[in-house]
Amino acid sequence: MKRNALKALSIAVLIALVSVTGTTASAQAPTGDAKVGAQKVRMCQGCHGIEGWRTAYPEVYQVPRIAGQHSTYFVSALKAYKSGDRKHPSMRGIAGSLSDQDMADLAAYYAEAK
């Protein structure tokens, strides 16, 4: 699926969430600071900062680009890795080390990144 289509789908899911619940998860989440997030990206850049990077653990797959990702989706994905709802051992370990504020800061940074 193309990047713009994924963004549109992510936004559509968020709109559906708001219409069903009357709120979004980000309404209660801390506000992210992109400048602070820029100081926390080292753990992300090793995989997500390399164009066309593929990883071989736990299986070979293309690592998604996260620059420009919608911040609410970004935080939701990190929380899903942290809780184990998304199954990737490396991402679970990384997300497990992040506070809600760390997630918000990284999301703000990557939402502005191109």
Protein backbone atom coordinates (compact mmCIF):
# COMPACT_ATOMS: atom_id res chain seq x y z
CA MET A 1 0.00 0.00 0.00
CA LYS A 2 1.38 3.42 -0.84
CA ARG A 3 2.43 5.81 1.89
CA ASN A 4 -0.33 8.39 1.20
CA ALA A 5 -2.94 5.65 1.21
CA LEU A 6 -1.65 4.44 4.60
CA LYS A 7 -1.83 7.97 6.00
CA ALA A 8 -5.39 8.35 4.71
CA LEU A 9 -6.33 4.99 6.21
CA SER A 10 -4.75 5.92 9.56
CA ILE A 11 -6.65 9.21 9.64
CA ALA A 12 -9.89 7.44 8.71
CA VAL A 13 -9.40 5.00 11.60
CA LEU A 14 -8.83 7.91 13.99
CA ILE A 15 -11.97 9.66 12.78
CA ALA A 16 -13.93 6.45 13.31
CA LEU A 17 -12.49 6.17 16.83
CA VAL A 18 -13.54 9.71 17.66
CA SER A 19 -17.05 9.16 16.31
CA VAL A 20 -17.50 5.97 18.36
CA THR A 21 -15.86 7.06 21.62
CA GLY A 22 -16.19 10.83 21.45
CA THR A 23 -12.49 11.21 22.20
CA THR A 24 -9.06 10.13 21.07
CA ALA A 25 -6.29 8.51 23.03
CA SER A 26 -4.14 11.57 22.43
CA ALA A 27 -6.65 13.78 24.27
CA GLN A 28 -5.28 12.40 27.54
CA ALA A 29 -1.70 11.88 26.32
CA PRO A 30 1.13 14.29 26.98
CA THR A 31 1.90 16.87 24.32
CA GLY A 32 5.00 15.99 22.34
CA ASP A 33 7.92 18.31 21.70
CA ALA A 34 9.64 17.72 18.34
CA LYS A 35 12.89 19.35 19.52
CA VAL A 36 13.08 17.02 22.50
CA GLY A 37 12.11 14.10 20.27
CA ALA A 38 15.05 14.90 17.98
CA GLN A 39 17.33 14.13 20.93
CA LYS A 40 15.73 10.69 21.40
CA VAL A 41 15.79 9.28 17.85
CA ARG A 42 19.08 7.37 18.00
CA MET A 43 17.32 4.12 18.89
CA CYS A 44 15.02 4.54 15.86
CA GLN A 45 17.52 5.62 13.23
CA GLY A 46 19.43 2.34 13.14
CA CYS A 47 16.54 0.73 11.28
CA HIS A 48 14.03 3.42 10.32
CA GLY A 49 16.59 5.97 9.19
CA ILE A 50 18.08 3.88 6.39
CA GLU A 51 16.28 3.99 3.03
CA GLY A 52 15.28 0.48 1.90
CA TRP A 53 16.58 -1.21 5.07
CA ARG A 54 15.53 -4.78 5.69
CA THR A 55 15.86 -6.65 8.94
CA ALA A 56 16.40 -10.37 9.40
CA TYR A 57 15.10 -10.74 12.95
CA PRO A 58 12.78 -12.42 13.65
CA GLU A 59 12.18 -12.74 9.89
CA VAL A 60 13.27 -10.84 6.81
CA TYR A 61 11.00 -7.87 6.12
CA GLN A 62 11.19 -4.28 4.93
CA VAL A 63 11.42 -1.80 7.77
CA PRO A 64 8.74 0.89 7.39
CA ARG A 65 9.65 4.54 7.06
CA ILE A 66 8.29 6.50 9.98
CA ALA A 67 9.17 10.04 8.90
CA GLY A 68 5.95 11.98 8.31
CA GLN A 69 3.81 9.48 10.21
CA HIS A 70 0.71 10.89 11.93
CA SER A 71 1.58 11.41 15.60
CA THR A 72 -1.54 9.76 17.05
CA TYR A 73 -0.96 6.63 14.97
CA PHE A 74 2.74 6.66 15.91
CA VAL A 75 1.99 6.72 19.66
CA SER A 76 -0.72 4.07 19.24
CA ALA A 77 1.71 1.76 17.45
CA LEU A 78 4.39 2.21 20.12
CA LYS A 79 1.86 1.49 22.87
CA ALA A 80 0.75 -1.64 21.02
CA TYR A 81 4.36 -2.86 20.86
CA LYS A 82 4.85 -2.05 24.54
CA SER A 83 1.72 -3.99 25.55
CA GLY A 84 2.51 -6.93 23.28
CA ASP A 85 -0.51 -6.36 21.00
CA ARG A 86 2.00 -5.93 18.14
CA LYS A 87 4.46 -8.78 17.90
CA HIS A 88 8.02 -7.77 17.12
CA PRO A 89 10.65 -8.55 19.77
CA SER A 90 12.99 -5.65 18.96
CA MET A 91 10.19 -3.09 18.82
CA ARG A 92 8.63 -4.46 21.99
CA GLY A 93 11.93 -4.01 23.81
CA ILE A 94 12.40 -0.48 22.49
CA ALA A 95 8.82 0.59 23.17
CA GLY A 96 9.00 -0.98 26.62
CA SER A 97 11.79 1.43 27.51
CA LEU A 98 9.75 4.51 26.53
CA SER A 99 7.58 6.64 28.79
CA ASP A 100 4.37 8.21 27.48
CA GLN A 101 6.25 11.51 27.22
CA ASP A 102 9.07 9.84 25.22
CA MET A 103 6.48 8.44 22.82
CA ALA A 104 4.80 11.82 22.42
CA ASP A 105 8.13 13.57 21.79
CA LEU A 106 9.21 10.99 19.20
CA ALA A 107 5.80 11.18 17.53
CA ALA A 108 6.04 14.97 17.31
CA TYR A 109 9.52 14.73 15.79
CA TYR A 110 8.60 12.11 13.20
CA ALA A 111 5.32 13.82 12.29
CA GLU A 112 7.37 16.85 11.21
CA ALA A 113 10.18 14.82 9.57
CA LYS A 114 10.29 14.23 5.83
